[in-house]
Amino acid sequence: MAIVRLYTGSDEKSHFEEVQLTIQDQGDQSGTAELIPGTGILVRRFEANRVNPWHHAPGRYAVITLSGAVDIEIGDGSVRRFGAGDVLLAEDLTGQGHGTREVGPEARISIFVPLSDDA
């Protein structure tokens, strides 16, 4: 399972980075990944075909898409699509930011988990 991190680089532009989870065997036919501390959840609904031009993440969030899909564009023109089951760590709090565009016929429903600022 991969998580995608969206962050501001030293060039003040947003970048994508693949974060691979390390799953530790628990000895009972299950595994656990390292804890990413959060402080609660926020459920958001985004209308189909909504466009949000360049902006920053409103804070450090883990964003888990439940349904629908969104394209996220960063400063170098790269676009990644996030759909049901995808996880994004949104951390581009400064710099150029990113743009989003909801895609598909249905609204996107996502869970936002606020993360502590000291990671």
C-alpha atoms as a PDB file:
ATOM      1  CA  MET A   1       0.000   0.000   0.000  1.00  0.00           C
ATOM      2  CA  ALA A   2       1.371   3.378  -0.976  1.00  0.00           C
ATOM      3  CA  ILE A   3       0.518   6.804   0.381  1.00  0.00           C
ATOM      4  CA  VAL A   4       1.236   9.908  -1.687  1.00  0.00           C
ATOM      5  CA  ARG A   5       2.706  12.915   0.101  1.00  0.00           C
ATOM      6  CA  LEU A   6       2.021  16.418  -1.324  1.00  0.00           C
ATOM      7  CA  TYR A   7       4.556  18.881   0.097  1.00  0.00           C
ATOM      8  CA  THR A   8       6.340  22.186  -0.554  1.00  0.00           C
ATOM      9  CA  GLY A   9       9.944  21.733  -1.696  1.00  0.00           C
ATOM     10  CA  SER A  10      12.892  24.061  -1.227  1.00  0.00           C
ATOM     11  CA  ASP A  11      11.988  25.529  -4.645  1.00  0.00           C
ATOM     12  CA  GLU A  12       8.649  26.730  -3.120  1.00  0.00           C
ATOM     13  CA  LYS A  13       6.718  24.433  -5.491  1.00  0.00           C
ATOM     14  CA  SER A  14       4.479  21.521  -4.579  1.00  0.00           C
ATOM     15  CA  HIS A  15       5.783  18.003  -5.197  1.00  0.00           C
ATOM     16  CA  PHE A  16       4.480  14.428  -4.991  1.00  0.00           C
ATOM     17  CA  GLU A  17       6.406  11.733  -3.091  1.00  0.00           C
ATOM     18  CA  GLU A  18       5.487   8.057  -2.704  1.00  0.00           C
ATOM     19  CA  VAL A  19       5.550   6.987   0.962  1.00  0.00           C
ATOM     20  CA  GLN A  20       5.786   3.229   1.464  1.00  0.00           C
ATOM     21  CA  LEU A  21       4.346   1.894   4.684  1.00  0.00           C
ATOM     22  CA  THR A  22       6.309  -0.654   6.685  1.00  0.00           C
ATOM     23  CA  ILE A  23       3.909  -3.347   7.867  1.00  0.00           C
ATOM     24  CA  GLN A  24       5.031  -5.238  10.980  1.00  0.00           C
ATOM     25  CA  ASP A  25       3.706  -8.787  11.391  1.00  0.00           C
ATOM     26  CA  GLN A  26       1.633  -9.051  14.561  1.00  0.00           C
ATOM     27  CA  GLY A  27       1.832 -12.857  14.724  1.00  0.00           C
ATOM     28  CA  ASP A  28      -1.923 -13.332  14.404  1.00  0.00           C
ATOM     29  CA  GLN A  29      -2.303 -13.226  10.609  1.00  0.00           C
ATOM     30  CA  SER A  30      -2.410  -9.431  10.686  1.00  0.00           C
ATOM     31  CA  GLY A  31       0.034  -6.565  10.296  1.00  0.00           C
ATOM     32  CA  THR A  32       0.244  -3.014  11.559  1.00  0.00           C
ATOM     33  CA  ALA A  33       1.844   0.040   9.968  1.00  0.00           C
ATOM     34  CA  GLU A  34       3.485   2.853  11.919  1.00  0.00           C
ATOM     35  CA  LEU A  35       1.143   5.375  13.513  1.00  0.00           C
ATOM     36  CA  ILE A  36       0.542   8.681  11.770  1.00  0.00           C
ATOM     37  CA  PRO A  37      -0.764  10.854  14.641  1.00  0.00           C
ATOM     38  CA  GLY A  38      -4.028  12.687  13.974  1.00  0.00           C
ATOM     39  CA  THR A  39      -6.535  14.710  15.983  1.00  0.00           C
ATOM     40  CA  GLY A  40      -9.938  13.788  14.545  1.00  0.00           C
ATOM     41  CA  ILE A  41     -11.723  13.429  11.215  1.00  0.00           C
ATOM     42  CA  LEU A  42     -13.605  15.749   8.891  1.00  0.00           C
ATOM     43  CA  VAL A  43     -15.852  14.389   6.133  1.00  0.00           C
ATOM     44  CA  ARG A  44     -16.034  16.599   3.027  1.00  0.00           C
ATOM     45  CA  ARG A  45     -18.209  16.391  -0.075  1.00  0.00           C
ATOM     46  CA  PHE A  46     -17.032  17.998  -3.321  1.00  0.00           C
ATOM     47  CA  GLU A  47     -19.498  18.459  -6.195  1.00  0.00           C
ATOM     48  CA  ALA A  48     -18.692  16.674  -9.466  1.00  0.00           C
ATOM     49  CA  ASN A  49     -16.766  18.910 -11.897  1.00  0.00           C
ATOM     50  CA  ARG A  50     -15.764  21.365  -9.117  1.00  0.00           C
ATOM     51  CA  VAL A  51     -12.505  23.202  -9.843  1.00  0.00           C
ATOM     52  CA  ASN A  52     -10.367  24.831  -7.159  1.00  0.00           C
ATOM     53  CA  PRO A  53      -7.501  26.843  -8.706  1.00  0.00           C
ATOM     54  CA  TRP A  54      -4.068  27.162  -7.094  1.00  0.00           C
ATOM     55  CA  HIS A  55      -4.234  26.970  -3.321  1.00  0.00           C
ATOM     56  CA  HIS A  56      -2.370  25.524  -0.337  1.00  0.00           C
ATOM     57  CA  ALA A  57      -3.441  22.705   1.929  1.00  0.00           C
ATOM     58  CA  PRO A  58      -5.343  24.327   4.827  1.00  0.00           C
ATOM     59  CA  GLY A  59      -3.129  22.398   7.255  1.00  0.00           C
ATOM     60  CA  ARG A  60      -1.382  19.024   7.430  1.00  0.00           C
ATOM     61  CA  TYR A  61      -4.036  16.415   6.582  1.00  0.00           C
ATOM     62  CA  ALA A  62      -4.265  12.774   5.656  1.00  0.00           C
ATOM     63  CA  VAL A  63      -6.961  12.724   2.971  1.00  0.00           C
ATOM     64  CA  ILE A  64      -8.679   9.396   2.279  1.00  0.00           C
ATOM     65  CA  THR A  65     -10.988   9.339  -0.731  1.00  0.00           C
ATOM     66  CA  LEU A  66     -14.086   7.211  -0.169  1.00  0.00           C
ATOM     67  CA  SER A  67     -15.880   7.781  -3.485  1.00  0.00           C
ATOM     68  CA  GLY A  68     -15.516   9.885  -6.605  1.00  0.00           C
ATOM     69  CA  ALA A  69     -12.158  11.140  -7.857  1.00  0.00           C
ATOM     70  CA  VAL A  70      -9.993  14.250  -8.021  1.00  0.00           C
ATOM     71  CA  ASP A  71      -7.074  15.309 -10.221  1.00  0.00           C
ATOM     72  CA  ILE A  72      -4.385  17.283  -8.393  1.00  0.00           C
ATOM     73  CA  GLU A  73      -1.927  19.380 -10.417  1.00  0.00           C
ATOM     74  CA  ILE A  74       1.391  20.662  -9.084  1.00  0.00           C
ATOM     75  CA  GLY A  75       3.757  23.382 -10.312  1.00  0.00           C
ATOM     76  CA  ASP A  76       5.735  21.261 -12.788  1.00  0.00           C
ATOM     77  CA  GLY A  77       2.507  20.335 -14.589  1.00  0.00           C
ATOM     78  CA  SER A  78       2.292  16.816 -13.121  1.00  0.00           C
ATOM     79  CA  VAL A  79      -1.235  15.595 -12.434  1.00  0.00           C
ATOM     80  CA  ARG A  80      -2.195  12.658 -10.232  1.00  0.00           C
ATOM     81  CA  ARG A  81      -5.667  11.184  -9.909  1.00  0.00           C
ATOM     82  CA  PHE A  82      -6.915  10.092  -6.479  1.00  0.00           C
ATOM     83  CA  GLY A  83      -9.947   7.835  -6.261  1.00  0.00           C
ATOM     84  CA  ALA A  84     -11.686   5.549  -3.795  1.00  0.00           C
ATOM     85  CA  GLY A  85      -9.189   4.015  -1.371  1.00  0.00           C
ATOM     86  CA  ASP A  86      -6.331   6.410  -2.156  1.00  0.00           C
ATOM     87  CA  VAL A  87      -4.519   8.223   0.657  1.00  0.00           C
ATOM     88  CA  LEU A  88      -2.861  11.642   0.290  1.00  0.00           C
ATOM     89  CA  LEU A  89      -0.718  13.389   2.903  1.00  0.00           C
ATOM     90  CA  ALA A  90      -1.385  17.066   2.133  1.00  0.00           C
ATOM     91  CA  GLU A  91       1.500  19.170   3.475  1.00  0.00           C
ATOM     92  CA  ASP A  92       2.102  21.915   0.897  1.00  0.00           C
ATOM     93  CA  LEU A  93       1.339  24.777   3.274  1.00  0.00           C
ATOM     94  CA  THR A  94       3.486  27.402   1.519  1.00  0.00           C
ATOM     95  CA  GLY A  95       4.819  28.164  -1.943  1.00  0.00           C
ATOM     96  CA  GLN A  96       2.909  27.842  -5.189  1.00  0.00           C
ATOM     97  CA  GLY A  97       0.386  25.295  -3.948  1.00  0.00           C
ATOM     98  CA  HIS A  98      -1.682  22.955  -6.118  1.00  0.00           C
ATOM     99  CA  GLY A  99      -4.882  22.945  -8.146  1.00  0.00           C
ATOM    100  CA  THR A 100      -7.716  20.418  -7.895  1.00  0.00           C
ATOM    101  CA  ARG A 101     -10.422  19.290 -10.279  1.00  0.00           C
ATOM    102  CA  GLU A 102     -13.127  16.785  -9.363  1.00  0.00           C
ATOM    103  CA  VAL A 103     -13.574  14.209 -12.137  1.00  0.00           C
ATOM    104  CA  GLY A 104     -16.288  11.769 -13.012  1.00  0.00           C
ATOM    105  CA  PRO A 105     -20.024  11.828 -12.787  1.00  0.00           C
ATOM    106  CA  GLU A 106     -20.348  11.671  -8.996  1.00  0.00           C
ATOM    107  CA  ALA A 107     -19.389  13.906  -6.079  1.00  0.00           C
ATOM    108  CA  ARG A 108     -16.166  13.070  -4.258  1.00  0.00           C
ATOM    109  CA  ILE A 109     -16.476  12.125  -0.594  1.00  0.00           C
ATOM    110  CA  SER A 110     -13.227  12.270   1.390  1.00  0.00           C
ATOM    111  CA  ILE A 111     -12.197  11.976   5.011  1.00  0.00           C
ATOM    112  CA  PHE A 112      -9.665  14.569   6.203  1.00  0.00           C
ATOM    113  CA  VAL A 113      -7.620  13.651   9.273  1.00  0.00           C
ATOM    114  CA  PRO A 114      -5.767  16.637  10.797  1.00  0.00           C
ATOM    115  CA  LEU A 115      -2.134  15.773  11.554  1.00  0.00           C
ATOM    116  CA  SER A 116       0.118  17.305  14.173  1.00  0.00           C
ATOM    117  CA  ASP A 117       2.482  20.039  12.999  1.00  0.00           C
ATOM    118  CA  ASP A 118       5.595  18.425  14.477  1.00  0.00           C
ATOM    119  CA  ALA A 119       6.178  15.582  12.010  1.00  0.00           C
END
